[in-house]
N, C-alpha and C. Protein backbone atom coordinates (compact mmCIF):
# COMPACT_ATOMS: atom_id res chain seq x y z
N UNK A 1 -41.92 1.59 6.75
CA UNK A 1 -40.54 1.81 6.32
C UNK A 1 -40.48 2.79 5.15
N UNK A 2 -41.38 2.59 4.18
CA UNK A 2 -41.41 3.48 3.01
C UNK A 2 -41.73 4.90 3.43
N UNK A 3 -42.66 5.03 4.39
CA UNK A 3 -43.04 6.36 4.88
C UNK A 3 -41.86 7.03 5.54
N UNK A 4 -41.07 6.26 6.31
CA UNK A 4 -39.90 6.81 6.97
C UNK A 4 -38.88 7.31 5.95
N UNK A 5 -38.70 6.54 4.87
CA UNK A 5 -37.76 6.94 3.83
C UNK A 5 -38.19 8.23 3.15
N UNK A 6 -39.50 8.37 2.90
CA UNK A 6 -40.03 9.58 2.29
C UNK A 6 -39.80 10.78 3.20
N UNK A 7 -40.05 10.58 4.52
CA UNK A 7 -39.86 11.67 5.47
C UNK A 7 -38.38 12.08 5.55
N UNK A 8 -37.49 11.07 5.50
CA UNK A 8 -36.06 11.36 5.53
C UNK A 8 -35.63 12.15 4.30
N UNK A 9 -36.15 11.75 3.14
CA UNK A 9 -35.83 12.45 1.89
C UNK A 9 -36.38 13.87 1.91
N UNK A 10 -37.59 14.05 2.45
CA UNK A 10 -38.18 15.38 2.55
C UNK A 10 -37.35 16.27 3.47
N UNK A 11 -36.90 15.69 4.59
CA UNK A 11 -36.09 16.45 5.54
C UNK A 11 -34.75 16.84 4.92
N UNK A 12 -34.17 15.90 4.16
CA UNK A 12 -32.89 16.18 3.49
C UNK A 12 -33.06 17.26 2.43
N UNK A 13 -34.17 17.18 1.67
CA UNK A 13 -34.43 18.18 0.63
C UNK A 13 -34.62 19.56 1.25
N UNK A 14 -35.36 19.62 2.36
CA UNK A 14 -35.60 20.89 3.04
C UNK A 14 -34.29 21.47 3.56
N UNK A 15 -33.42 20.60 4.10
CA UNK A 15 -32.13 21.05 4.62
C UNK A 15 -31.27 21.62 3.50
N UNK A 16 -31.22 20.92 2.37
CA UNK A 16 -30.43 21.39 1.22
C UNK A 16 -31.00 22.69 0.66
N UNK A 17 -32.34 22.78 0.65
CA UNK A 17 -33.01 23.99 0.17
C UNK A 17 -32.57 25.20 1.00
N UNK A 18 -32.62 25.06 2.32
CA UNK A 18 -32.28 26.17 3.20
C UNK A 18 -30.79 26.51 3.11
N UNK A 19 -29.95 25.47 3.01
CA UNK A 19 -28.51 25.71 2.92
C UNK A 19 -28.16 26.45 1.63
N UNK A 20 -28.77 26.03 0.53
CA UNK A 20 -28.52 26.68 -0.75
C UNK A 20 -29.02 28.11 -0.74
N UNK A 21 -30.20 28.30 -0.16
CA UNK A 21 -30.78 29.64 -0.07
C UNK A 21 -29.87 30.56 0.75
N UNK A 22 -29.40 30.07 1.89
CA UNK A 22 -28.53 30.87 2.76
C UNK A 22 -27.22 31.20 2.05
N UNK A 23 -26.64 30.22 1.38
CA UNK A 23 -25.38 30.43 0.65
C UNK A 23 -25.57 31.43 -0.48
N UNK A 24 -26.69 31.30 -1.19
CA UNK A 24 -26.97 32.21 -2.30
C UNK A 24 -27.08 33.64 -1.83
N UNK A 25 -27.84 33.87 -0.77
CA UNK A 25 -28.02 35.22 -0.24
C UNK A 25 -26.69 35.79 0.23
N UNK A 26 -25.86 34.93 0.84
CA UNK A 26 -24.54 35.38 1.29
C UNK A 26 -23.68 35.84 0.12
N UNK A 27 -23.77 35.12 -0.98
CA UNK A 27 -22.98 35.48 -2.16
C UNK A 27 -23.54 36.72 -2.86
N UNK A 28 -24.76 37.08 -2.51
CA UNK A 28 -25.37 38.29 -3.06
C UNK A 28 -25.31 39.45 -2.08
N UNK A 29 -24.53 39.31 -1.01
CA UNK A 29 -24.57 40.25 0.10
C UNK A 29 -24.25 41.69 -0.30
N UNK A 30 -23.46 41.87 -1.34
CA UNK A 30 -23.10 43.23 -1.75
C UNK A 30 -23.96 43.74 -2.90
N UNK A 31 -24.99 42.99 -3.24
CA UNK A 31 -25.86 43.37 -4.34
C UNK A 31 -27.15 43.98 -3.82
N UNK A 32 -27.77 44.75 -4.67
CA UNK A 32 -29.00 45.41 -4.27
C UNK A 32 -30.18 44.44 -4.27
N UNK A 33 -31.14 44.75 -3.41
CA UNK A 33 -32.43 44.07 -3.40
C UNK A 33 -32.32 42.56 -3.23
N UNK A 34 -31.73 42.13 -2.12
CA UNK A 34 -31.62 40.71 -1.83
C UNK A 34 -33.00 40.06 -1.71
N UNK A 35 -33.96 40.83 -1.22
CA UNK A 35 -35.30 40.28 -1.02
C UNK A 35 -35.90 39.80 -2.35
N UNK A 36 -35.65 40.54 -3.41
CA UNK A 36 -36.16 40.15 -4.73
C UNK A 36 -35.56 38.82 -5.16
N UNK A 37 -34.25 38.64 -4.93
CA UNK A 37 -33.60 37.40 -5.34
C UNK A 37 -33.97 36.24 -4.44
N UNK A 38 -34.26 36.54 -3.19
CA UNK A 38 -34.74 35.49 -2.29
C UNK A 38 -36.11 35.00 -2.78
N UNK A 39 -36.95 35.92 -3.19
CA UNK A 39 -38.27 35.56 -3.72
C UNK A 39 -38.11 34.80 -5.05
N UNK A 40 -37.17 35.21 -5.85
CA UNK A 40 -36.89 34.53 -7.11
C UNK A 40 -36.47 33.08 -6.84
N UNK A 41 -35.61 32.91 -5.85
CA UNK A 41 -35.16 31.58 -5.48
C UNK A 41 -36.34 30.70 -5.06
N UNK A 42 -37.20 31.24 -4.19
CA UNK A 42 -38.35 30.48 -3.71
C UNK A 42 -39.28 30.09 -4.86
N UNK A 43 -39.35 30.94 -5.87
CA UNK A 43 -40.26 30.70 -6.99
C UNK A 43 -39.73 29.67 -7.98
N UNK A 44 -38.41 29.71 -8.24
CA UNK A 44 -37.89 28.91 -9.34
C UNK A 44 -36.94 27.78 -8.95
N UNK A 45 -36.59 27.66 -7.67
CA UNK A 45 -35.59 26.66 -7.30
C UNK A 45 -36.04 25.25 -7.65
N UNK A 46 -37.31 24.92 -7.38
CA UNK A 46 -37.77 23.56 -7.61
C UNK A 46 -37.79 23.21 -9.10
N UNK A 47 -38.13 24.17 -9.93
CA UNK A 47 -38.11 23.96 -11.38
C UNK A 47 -36.69 23.59 -11.84
N UNK A 48 -35.72 24.41 -11.46
CA UNK A 48 -34.34 24.16 -11.86
C UNK A 48 -33.83 22.85 -11.28
N UNK A 49 -34.13 22.61 -10.03
CA UNK A 49 -33.70 21.39 -9.34
C UNK A 49 -34.28 20.14 -10.02
N UNK A 50 -35.57 20.16 -10.32
CA UNK A 50 -36.24 19.00 -10.92
C UNK A 50 -35.65 18.67 -12.28
N UNK A 51 -35.43 19.70 -13.11
CA UNK A 51 -34.87 19.46 -14.43
C UNK A 51 -33.44 18.95 -14.33
N UNK A 52 -32.68 19.49 -13.38
CA UNK A 52 -31.30 19.02 -13.18
C UNK A 52 -31.28 17.56 -12.76
N UNK A 53 -32.19 17.17 -11.87
CA UNK A 53 -32.27 15.78 -11.43
C UNK A 53 -32.65 14.86 -12.59
N UNK A 54 -33.61 15.29 -13.40
CA UNK A 54 -34.05 14.47 -14.53
C UNK A 54 -33.00 14.42 -15.63
N UNK A 55 -32.03 15.32 -15.56
CA UNK A 55 -30.92 15.29 -16.53
C UNK A 55 -29.84 14.30 -16.10
N UNK A 56 -29.97 13.75 -14.90
CA UNK A 56 -29.03 12.73 -14.45
C UNK A 56 -28.08 13.14 -13.35
N UNK A 57 -28.30 14.31 -12.74
CA UNK A 57 -27.42 14.77 -11.68
C UNK A 57 -27.87 14.23 -10.32
N UNK A 58 -26.93 14.21 -9.37
CA UNK A 58 -27.26 13.87 -7.99
C UNK A 58 -27.90 15.10 -7.33
N UNK A 59 -28.50 14.87 -6.17
CA UNK A 59 -29.19 15.96 -5.48
C UNK A 59 -28.26 17.13 -5.16
N UNK A 60 -27.06 16.82 -4.66
CA UNK A 60 -26.13 17.90 -4.31
C UNK A 60 -25.70 18.67 -5.55
N UNK A 61 -25.51 17.95 -6.66
CA UNK A 61 -25.13 18.60 -7.91
C UNK A 61 -26.28 19.47 -8.43
N UNK A 62 -27.51 18.97 -8.27
CA UNK A 62 -28.69 19.71 -8.72
C UNK A 62 -28.84 21.02 -7.94
N UNK A 63 -28.54 20.98 -6.65
CA UNK A 63 -28.62 22.22 -5.86
C UNK A 63 -27.51 23.19 -6.25
N UNK A 64 -26.36 22.67 -6.66
CA UNK A 64 -25.32 23.56 -7.18
C UNK A 64 -25.80 24.24 -8.46
N UNK A 65 -26.52 23.49 -9.29
CA UNK A 65 -27.09 24.05 -10.52
C UNK A 65 -28.07 25.16 -10.16
N UNK A 66 -28.90 24.93 -9.14
CA UNK A 66 -29.87 25.94 -8.71
C UNK A 66 -29.15 27.23 -8.34
N UNK A 67 -28.14 27.11 -7.48
CA UNK A 67 -27.43 28.30 -7.00
C UNK A 67 -26.70 29.01 -8.14
N UNK A 68 -25.97 28.26 -8.95
CA UNK A 68 -25.18 28.89 -10.02
C UNK A 68 -26.07 29.50 -11.10
N UNK A 69 -27.20 28.86 -11.36
CA UNK A 69 -28.13 29.40 -12.35
C UNK A 69 -28.70 30.73 -11.88
N UNK A 70 -29.14 30.77 -10.64
CA UNK A 70 -29.74 32.01 -10.12
C UNK A 70 -28.69 33.11 -9.99
N UNK A 71 -27.48 32.75 -9.60
CA UNK A 71 -26.40 33.75 -9.56
C UNK A 71 -26.12 34.30 -10.95
N UNK A 72 -26.14 33.41 -11.94
CA UNK A 72 -25.92 33.86 -13.31
C UNK A 72 -27.02 34.78 -13.79
N UNK A 73 -28.26 34.44 -13.45
CA UNK A 73 -29.41 35.28 -13.81
C UNK A 73 -29.26 36.65 -13.15
N UNK A 74 -28.90 36.64 -11.87
CA UNK A 74 -28.76 37.90 -11.13
C UNK A 74 -27.66 38.77 -11.72
N UNK A 75 -26.54 38.13 -12.09
CA UNK A 75 -25.43 38.88 -12.66
C UNK A 75 -25.79 39.50 -14.00
N UNK A 76 -26.42 38.70 -14.86
CA UNK A 76 -26.80 39.22 -16.17
C UNK A 76 -27.87 40.31 -16.05
N UNK A 77 -28.76 40.14 -15.08
CA UNK A 77 -29.79 41.16 -14.87
C UNK A 77 -29.16 42.47 -14.40
N UNK A 78 -28.20 42.35 -13.49
CA UNK A 78 -27.52 43.54 -12.97
C UNK A 78 -26.79 44.27 -14.08
N UNK A 79 -26.26 43.51 -15.03
CA UNK A 79 -25.52 44.09 -16.15
C UNK A 79 -26.43 44.44 -17.33
N UNK A 80 -27.74 44.29 -17.11
CA UNK A 80 -28.73 44.59 -18.15
C UNK A 80 -28.50 43.79 -19.43
N UNK A 81 -28.14 42.51 -19.26
CA UNK A 81 -27.86 41.67 -20.42
C UNK A 81 -29.06 40.87 -20.87
N UNK A 82 -30.15 40.95 -20.10
CA UNK A 82 -31.36 40.24 -20.52
C UNK A 82 -32.21 41.17 -21.36
N UNK A 83 -32.48 40.76 -22.58
CA UNK A 83 -33.29 41.55 -23.50
C UNK A 83 -34.60 40.80 -23.78
N UNK A 84 -35.71 41.27 -23.23
CA UNK A 84 -37.00 40.59 -23.44
C UNK A 84 -37.38 40.46 -24.91
N UNK A 85 -36.88 41.37 -25.73
CA UNK A 85 -37.20 41.33 -27.15
C UNK A 85 -36.44 40.22 -27.89
N UNK A 86 -35.39 39.70 -27.26
CA UNK A 86 -34.59 38.66 -27.90
C UNK A 86 -35.14 37.26 -27.64
N UNK A 87 -36.07 37.15 -26.71
CA UNK A 87 -36.64 35.85 -26.36
C UNK A 87 -37.32 35.91 -25.00
N UNK A 88 -38.13 34.91 -24.72
CA UNK A 88 -38.88 34.91 -23.46
C UNK A 88 -37.97 34.62 -22.28
N UNK A 89 -38.42 35.04 -21.10
CA UNK A 89 -37.70 34.74 -19.87
C UNK A 89 -37.62 33.23 -19.66
N UNK A 90 -38.69 32.53 -20.00
CA UNK A 90 -38.73 31.08 -19.87
C UNK A 90 -37.59 30.43 -20.64
N UNK A 91 -37.35 30.86 -21.87
CA UNK A 91 -36.27 30.31 -22.69
C UNK A 91 -34.91 30.71 -22.15
N UNK A 92 -34.81 31.93 -21.66
CA UNK A 92 -33.55 32.41 -21.09
C UNK A 92 -33.17 31.57 -19.87
N UNK A 93 -34.14 31.33 -19.00
CA UNK A 93 -33.89 30.55 -17.80
C UNK A 93 -33.53 29.11 -18.17
N UNK A 94 -34.19 28.56 -19.18
CA UNK A 94 -33.86 27.22 -19.65
C UNK A 94 -32.40 27.14 -20.11
N UNK A 95 -31.98 28.10 -20.92
CA UNK A 95 -30.60 28.09 -21.42
C UNK A 95 -29.58 28.24 -20.30
N UNK A 96 -29.88 29.11 -19.34
CA UNK A 96 -28.98 29.28 -18.20
C UNK A 96 -28.88 27.98 -17.41
N UNK A 97 -30.01 27.32 -17.23
CA UNK A 97 -30.04 26.05 -16.49
C UNK A 97 -29.28 24.97 -17.25
N UNK A 98 -29.51 24.90 -18.56
CA UNK A 98 -28.84 23.90 -19.40
C UNK A 98 -27.31 24.03 -19.29
N UNK A 99 -26.82 25.26 -19.34
CA UNK A 99 -25.37 25.47 -19.26
C UNK A 99 -24.82 25.02 -17.92
N UNK A 100 -25.53 25.33 -16.85
CA UNK A 100 -25.05 24.96 -15.51
C UNK A 100 -25.11 23.45 -15.31
N UNK A 101 -26.09 22.79 -15.90
CA UNK A 101 -26.15 21.33 -15.83
C UNK A 101 -24.93 20.74 -16.54
N UNK A 102 -24.63 21.28 -17.70
CA UNK A 102 -23.45 20.84 -18.44
C UNK A 102 -22.18 21.04 -17.63
N UNK A 103 -22.10 22.16 -16.91
CA UNK A 103 -20.94 22.43 -16.06
C UNK A 103 -20.76 21.34 -15.02
N UNK A 104 -21.88 20.90 -14.44
CA UNK A 104 -21.81 19.87 -13.40
C UNK A 104 -21.33 18.53 -13.95
N UNK A 105 -21.76 18.17 -15.14
CA UNK A 105 -21.29 16.92 -15.74
C UNK A 105 -19.79 17.01 -16.05
N UNK A 106 -19.35 18.17 -16.53
CA UNK A 106 -17.92 18.33 -16.81
C UNK A 106 -17.11 18.29 -15.51
N UNK A 107 -17.65 18.92 -14.47
CA UNK A 107 -16.97 18.92 -13.17
C UNK A 107 -16.90 17.51 -12.60
N UNK A 108 -17.98 16.75 -12.74
CA UNK A 108 -18.01 15.38 -12.24
C UNK A 108 -16.94 14.54 -12.92
N UNK A 109 -16.85 14.67 -14.24
CA UNK A 109 -15.89 13.89 -15.00
C UNK A 109 -14.46 14.26 -14.63
N UNK A 110 -14.23 15.55 -14.44
CA UNK A 110 -12.89 16.03 -14.10
C UNK A 110 -12.50 15.63 -12.69
N UNK A 111 -13.41 15.81 -11.73
CA UNK A 111 -13.08 15.59 -10.33
C UNK A 111 -12.98 14.11 -9.96
N UNK A 112 -13.81 13.29 -10.55
CA UNK A 112 -13.86 11.89 -10.15
C UNK A 112 -13.13 10.94 -11.09
N UNK A 113 -12.91 11.41 -12.34
CA UNK A 113 -12.25 10.57 -13.36
C UNK A 113 -12.94 9.22 -13.45
N UNK A 114 -14.28 9.28 -13.43
CA UNK A 114 -15.06 8.05 -13.44
C UNK A 114 -15.84 7.88 -14.74
N UNK A 115 -15.29 8.35 -15.84
CA UNK A 115 -15.98 8.17 -17.11
C UNK A 115 -16.00 6.69 -17.46
N UNK A 116 -17.07 6.26 -18.13
CA UNK A 116 -17.24 4.86 -18.48
C UNK A 116 -16.22 4.43 -19.53
N UNK A 117 -15.83 3.12 -19.55
CA UNK A 117 -14.90 2.64 -20.58
C UNK A 117 -15.53 2.71 -21.95
N UNK A 118 -14.70 2.74 -22.96
CA UNK A 118 -15.18 2.86 -24.32
C UNK A 118 -16.05 1.67 -24.70
N UNK A 119 -17.29 1.94 -25.17
CA UNK A 119 -18.20 0.89 -25.59
C UNK A 119 -18.63 1.13 -27.03
N UNK A 120 -17.74 1.69 -27.81
CA UNK A 120 -18.07 1.93 -29.21
C UNK A 120 -19.14 2.97 -29.33
N UNK A 121 -20.26 2.60 -29.96
CA UNK A 121 -21.36 3.54 -30.19
C UNK A 121 -22.40 3.49 -29.09
N UNK A 122 -22.11 2.74 -28.01
CA UNK A 122 -23.07 2.62 -26.91
C UNK A 122 -23.38 3.99 -26.35
N UNK A 123 -24.65 4.39 -26.30
CA UNK A 123 -25.00 5.74 -25.84
C UNK A 123 -24.78 5.92 -24.35
N UNK A 124 -24.38 4.86 -23.64
CA UNK A 124 -24.09 5.01 -22.22
C UNK A 124 -22.81 5.79 -22.01
N UNK A 125 -22.03 6.01 -23.07
CA UNK A 125 -20.83 6.82 -22.96
C UNK A 125 -21.17 8.30 -22.78
N UNK A 126 -22.39 8.68 -23.06
CA UNK A 126 -22.80 10.08 -22.95
C UNK A 126 -23.60 10.31 -21.70
N UNK A 127 -23.59 11.55 -21.22
CA UNK A 127 -24.38 11.90 -20.04
C UNK A 127 -25.85 11.89 -20.39
N UNK A 128 -26.67 11.84 -19.35
CA UNK A 128 -28.11 11.81 -19.58
C UNK A 128 -28.57 13.04 -20.34
N UNK A 129 -28.04 14.21 -19.99
CA UNK A 129 -28.48 15.44 -20.66
C UNK A 129 -28.11 15.42 -22.14
N UNK A 130 -26.96 14.82 -22.47
CA UNK A 130 -26.59 14.74 -23.88
C UNK A 130 -27.55 13.84 -24.65
N UNK A 131 -28.00 12.76 -24.00
CA UNK A 131 -28.95 11.87 -24.66
C UNK A 131 -30.34 12.49 -24.73
N UNK A 132 -30.59 13.47 -23.86
CA UNK A 132 -31.89 14.15 -23.87
C UNK A 132 -31.98 15.19 -24.97
N UNK A 133 -30.83 15.63 -25.47
CA UNK A 133 -30.83 16.66 -26.50
C UNK A 133 -31.28 16.05 -27.83
N UNK A 134 -32.47 16.33 -28.22
CA UNK A 134 -33.05 15.76 -29.44
C UNK A 134 -33.15 16.85 -30.50
N UNK A 135 -32.36 16.78 -31.56
CA UNK A 135 -32.36 17.84 -32.59
C UNK A 135 -33.70 17.97 -33.29
N UNK A 136 -34.51 16.92 -33.26
CA UNK A 136 -35.80 16.97 -33.95
C UNK A 136 -36.92 17.50 -33.06
N UNK A 137 -36.87 17.15 -31.79
CA UNK A 137 -37.98 17.55 -30.93
C UNK A 137 -37.58 18.31 -29.69
N UNK A 138 -36.30 18.26 -29.33
CA UNK A 138 -35.86 18.97 -28.13
C UNK A 138 -36.42 18.34 -26.88
N UNK A 139 -35.94 17.12 -26.54
CA UNK A 139 -36.47 16.40 -25.39
C UNK A 139 -36.31 17.19 -24.10
N UNK A 140 -35.16 17.83 -23.92
CA UNK A 140 -34.94 18.63 -22.72
C UNK A 140 -35.97 19.75 -22.64
N UNK A 141 -36.29 20.34 -23.78
CA UNK A 141 -37.30 21.39 -23.82
C UNK A 141 -38.67 20.86 -23.38
N UNK A 142 -38.97 19.62 -23.77
CA UNK A 142 -40.24 19.02 -23.38
C UNK A 142 -40.30 18.81 -21.87
N UNK A 143 -39.19 18.35 -21.30
CA UNK A 143 -39.11 18.18 -19.85
C UNK A 143 -39.27 19.54 -19.18
N UNK A 144 -38.60 20.53 -19.71
CA UNK A 144 -38.67 21.89 -19.16
C UNK A 144 -40.10 22.42 -19.20
N UNK A 145 -40.78 22.23 -20.32
CA UNK A 145 -42.16 22.73 -20.46
C UNK A 145 -43.07 22.10 -19.41
N UNK A 146 -42.93 20.79 -19.21
CA UNK A 146 -43.77 20.10 -18.23
C UNK A 146 -43.47 20.57 -16.82
N UNK A 147 -42.19 20.69 -16.50
CA UNK A 147 -41.80 21.14 -15.16
C UNK A 147 -42.17 22.61 -14.95
N UNK A 148 -42.07 23.40 -16.01
CA UNK A 148 -42.43 24.82 -15.93
C UNK A 148 -43.89 24.97 -15.53
N UNK A 149 -44.76 24.24 -16.21
CA UNK A 149 -46.19 24.33 -15.93
C UNK A 149 -46.49 23.91 -14.49
N UNK A 150 -45.88 22.82 -14.05
CA UNK A 150 -46.10 22.34 -12.69
C UNK A 150 -45.56 23.33 -11.67
N UNK A 151 -44.38 23.89 -11.95
CA UNK A 151 -43.78 24.84 -11.02
C UNK A 151 -44.61 26.11 -10.90
N UNK A 152 -45.16 26.57 -12.02
CA UNK A 152 -46.00 27.77 -11.97
C UNK A 152 -47.18 27.56 -11.04
N UNK A 153 -47.81 26.39 -11.15
CA UNK A 153 -48.96 26.09 -10.31
C UNK A 153 -48.57 26.03 -8.84
N UNK A 154 -47.47 25.32 -8.54
CA UNK A 154 -47.04 25.19 -7.15
C UNK A 154 -46.60 26.54 -6.56
N UNK A 155 -45.87 27.32 -7.35
CA UNK A 155 -45.42 28.63 -6.87
C UNK A 155 -46.61 29.56 -6.66
N UNK A 156 -47.58 29.49 -7.56
CA UNK A 156 -48.77 30.33 -7.44
C UNK A 156 -49.59 29.93 -6.22
N UNK A 157 -49.68 28.63 -5.95
CA UNK A 157 -50.41 28.15 -4.78
C UNK A 157 -49.80 28.70 -3.49
N UNK A 158 -48.48 28.77 -3.44
CA UNK A 158 -47.82 29.31 -2.25
C UNK A 158 -48.16 30.78 -2.06
N UNK A 159 -48.26 31.51 -3.17
CA UNK A 159 -48.62 32.92 -3.08
C UNK A 159 -50.07 33.10 -2.66
N UNK A 160 -50.92 32.21 -3.16
CA UNK A 160 -52.35 32.28 -2.83
C UNK A 160 -52.59 32.08 -1.34
N UNK A 161 -51.77 31.24 -0.71
CA UNK A 161 -51.93 30.94 0.72
C UNK A 161 -51.97 32.20 1.57
N UNK A 162 -51.18 33.19 1.17
CA UNK A 162 -51.10 34.42 1.96
C UNK A 162 -52.23 35.40 1.66
N UNK A 163 -53.07 35.06 0.67
CA UNK A 163 -54.11 35.99 0.24
C UNK A 163 -55.52 35.51 0.56
N UNK A 164 -55.65 34.30 1.09
CA UNK A 164 -56.97 33.78 1.46
C UNK A 164 -56.89 33.22 2.87
N UNK A 165 -58.04 32.93 3.46
CA UNK A 165 -58.04 32.37 4.80
C UNK A 165 -57.57 30.93 4.78
N UNK A 166 -57.11 30.47 5.94
CA UNK A 166 -56.64 29.09 6.06
C UNK A 166 -57.74 28.11 5.67
N UNK A 167 -58.95 28.39 6.11
CA UNK A 167 -60.08 27.51 5.83
C UNK A 167 -60.38 27.45 4.33
N UNK A 168 -60.38 28.59 3.68
CA UNK A 168 -60.65 28.61 2.24
C UNK A 168 -59.59 27.83 1.47
N UNK A 169 -58.35 27.97 1.89
CA UNK A 169 -57.28 27.24 1.20
C UNK A 169 -57.41 25.74 1.44
N UNK A 170 -57.78 25.37 2.67
CA UNK A 170 -57.99 23.95 2.99
C UNK A 170 -59.10 23.36 2.12
N UNK A 171 -60.17 24.11 1.98
CA UNK A 171 -61.29 23.65 1.15
C UNK A 171 -60.84 23.46 -0.29
N UNK A 172 -60.14 24.44 -0.82
CA UNK A 172 -59.67 24.36 -2.21
C UNK A 172 -58.72 23.18 -2.39
N UNK A 173 -57.80 23.03 -1.45
CA UNK A 173 -56.82 21.96 -1.54
C UNK A 173 -57.50 20.58 -1.54
N UNK A 174 -58.46 20.41 -0.65
CA UNK A 174 -59.15 19.12 -0.56
C UNK A 174 -60.05 18.87 -1.77
N UNK A 175 -60.76 19.90 -2.20
CA UNK A 175 -61.74 19.73 -3.27
C UNK A 175 -61.10 19.68 -4.66
N UNK A 176 -60.18 20.61 -4.92
CA UNK A 176 -59.60 20.71 -6.27
C UNK A 176 -58.30 19.92 -6.40
N UNK A 177 -57.37 20.12 -5.46
CA UNK A 177 -56.06 19.48 -5.57
C UNK A 177 -56.15 17.98 -5.26
N UNK A 178 -56.79 17.64 -4.13
CA UNK A 178 -56.87 16.24 -3.73
C UNK A 178 -58.03 15.49 -4.38
N UNK A 179 -59.00 16.25 -4.91
CA UNK A 179 -60.09 15.61 -5.63
C UNK A 179 -61.19 14.99 -4.79
N UNK A 180 -61.36 15.45 -3.54
CA UNK A 180 -62.45 14.94 -2.72
C UNK A 180 -63.78 15.43 -3.29
N UNK A 181 -64.85 14.66 -3.05
CA UNK A 181 -66.16 15.14 -3.48
C UNK A 181 -66.67 16.16 -2.48
N UNK A 182 -67.68 16.93 -2.87
CA UNK A 182 -68.15 18.05 -2.04
C UNK A 182 -68.62 17.60 -0.66
N UNK A 183 -69.30 16.46 -0.60
CA UNK A 183 -69.82 15.99 0.69
C UNK A 183 -68.70 15.64 1.66
N UNK A 184 -67.66 15.00 1.14
CA UNK A 184 -66.53 14.65 2.00
C UNK A 184 -65.82 15.91 2.50
N UNK A 185 -65.63 16.88 1.61
CA UNK A 185 -64.98 18.13 2.01
C UNK A 185 -65.80 18.82 3.10
N UNK A 186 -67.11 18.90 2.87
CA UNK A 186 -68.00 19.56 3.84
C UNK A 186 -67.96 18.84 5.18
N UNK A 187 -67.99 17.52 5.13
CA UNK A 187 -68.01 16.72 6.36
C UNK A 187 -66.69 16.82 7.12
N UNK A 188 -65.58 16.65 6.41
CA UNK A 188 -64.27 16.63 7.07
C UNK A 188 -63.85 18.00 7.59
N UNK A 189 -64.24 19.05 6.89
CA UNK A 189 -63.82 20.40 7.29
C UNK A 189 -64.89 21.18 8.04
N UNK A 190 -66.07 20.57 8.19
CA UNK A 190 -67.13 21.22 8.95
C UNK A 190 -67.68 22.46 8.30
N UNK A 191 -67.87 22.41 6.98
CA UNK A 191 -68.40 23.55 6.24
C UNK A 191 -69.60 23.09 5.42
N UNK A 192 -70.30 24.05 4.82
CA UNK A 192 -71.43 23.70 3.97
C UNK A 192 -70.96 23.47 2.53
N UNK A 193 -71.82 22.81 1.75
CA UNK A 193 -71.50 22.59 0.34
C UNK A 193 -71.37 23.92 -0.39
N UNK A 194 -72.19 24.89 0.01
CA UNK A 194 -72.12 26.22 -0.60
C UNK A 194 -70.76 26.86 -0.36
N UNK A 195 -70.22 26.68 0.85
CA UNK A 195 -68.90 27.23 1.18
C UNK A 195 -67.81 26.58 0.33
N UNK A 196 -68.00 25.31 0.04
CA UNK A 196 -67.03 24.59 -0.79
C UNK A 196 -66.97 25.23 -2.18
N UNK A 197 -68.14 25.47 -2.77
CA UNK A 197 -68.19 26.05 -4.11
C UNK A 197 -67.66 27.49 -4.11
N UNK A 198 -67.99 28.23 -3.06
CA UNK A 198 -67.51 29.61 -2.98
C UNK A 198 -65.99 29.67 -2.86
N UNK A 199 -65.43 28.77 -2.04
CA UNK A 199 -63.98 28.74 -1.86
C UNK A 199 -63.30 28.34 -3.17
N UNK A 200 -63.89 27.37 -3.86
CA UNK A 200 -63.32 26.94 -5.14
C UNK A 200 -63.27 28.11 -6.12
N UNK A 201 -64.36 28.88 -6.17
CA UNK A 201 -64.43 30.00 -7.11
C UNK A 201 -63.44 31.10 -6.73
N UNK A 202 -63.40 31.48 -5.46
CA UNK A 202 -62.55 32.59 -5.02
C UNK A 202 -61.07 32.22 -5.13
N UNK A 203 -60.70 31.09 -4.56
CA UNK A 203 -59.29 30.69 -4.59
C UNK A 203 -58.85 30.41 -6.02
N UNK A 204 -59.73 29.78 -6.79
CA UNK A 204 -59.40 29.47 -8.18
C UNK A 204 -59.14 30.72 -9.00
N UNK A 205 -59.93 31.77 -8.76
CA UNK A 205 -59.75 33.03 -9.49
C UNK A 205 -58.42 33.68 -9.15
N UNK A 206 -58.07 33.67 -7.85
CA UNK A 206 -56.80 34.26 -7.42
C UNK A 206 -55.63 33.44 -7.96
N UNK A 207 -55.77 32.12 -7.94
CA UNK A 207 -54.72 31.24 -8.45
C UNK A 207 -54.48 31.48 -9.94
N UNK A 208 -55.55 31.62 -10.68
CA UNK A 208 -55.44 31.87 -12.12
C UNK A 208 -54.69 33.17 -12.38
N UNK A 209 -54.96 34.18 -11.58
CA UNK A 209 -54.29 35.47 -11.73
C UNK A 209 -52.80 35.35 -11.40
N UNK A 210 -52.48 34.62 -10.33
CA UNK A 210 -51.08 34.45 -9.94
C UNK A 210 -50.30 33.69 -11.00
N UNK A 211 -50.91 32.64 -11.56
CA UNK A 211 -50.24 31.87 -12.61
C UNK A 211 -49.99 32.74 -13.83
N UNK A 212 -50.98 33.57 -14.18
CA UNK A 212 -50.84 34.45 -15.32
C UNK A 212 -49.70 35.44 -15.12
N UNK A 213 -49.57 35.95 -13.91
CA UNK A 213 -48.50 36.90 -13.62
C UNK A 213 -47.12 36.23 -13.68
N UNK A 214 -47.03 35.03 -13.14
CA UNK A 214 -45.77 34.30 -13.17
C UNK A 214 -45.37 33.88 -14.57
N UNK A 215 -46.38 33.65 -15.40
CA UNK A 215 -46.12 33.17 -16.76
C UNK A 215 -46.08 34.32 -17.77
N UNK A 216 -46.05 35.54 -17.25
CA UNK A 216 -46.11 36.69 -18.14
C UNK A 216 -44.78 37.13 -18.70
N UNK A 217 -43.73 36.37 -18.40
CA UNK A 217 -42.38 36.69 -18.90
C UNK A 217 -41.91 38.05 -18.43
N UNK A 218 -42.54 38.56 -17.38
CA UNK A 218 -42.10 39.85 -16.84
C UNK A 218 -41.04 39.59 -15.78
N UNK A 219 -39.85 40.15 -15.99
CA UNK A 219 -38.77 39.94 -15.03
C UNK A 219 -38.07 41.26 -14.76
């Protein structure tokens, strides 16, 4: 039963991903270089979505945040409003995401009129994202940093897939990502222990390069 629920959620997430992607590209139809923005979406959608969900939004609201954030990035980029000297791309994307998350909470309150009754100083009167805003440590920033690192790895892995053989990627995935020991990898995939080490070295080097490029604040 649990497995069925996971599969249903995965299917729903994939459906929402494709619908948001299609809608985004349609809204960019008169803009130059749609392929670049499609690639941008594939690279950063999960980061924005995950942070939006952890801020307390529903899945549909989180996908709205994804689309509106990327549209905002595209618009500001087209107008040359992003200045790398004023701050990193990572911080810029965080701020754009934060604003769109706030928009969704305001829209929810306006559209549903379901704000909680007054409970005095009870922090349940505030949205999750408001409670995450920590003036001393920046809790939202901490969530963003963790999700950023994970997203870089996942996005880089997807890029690596197209640059190595299927077998080499399988070996790396089983040995490094899943943590199998060398003998199990060799036995299950029908390769030698030497091939396992070679795949780890080659794929790992390419992955490191891809992560470095993604994290280079070059946009």
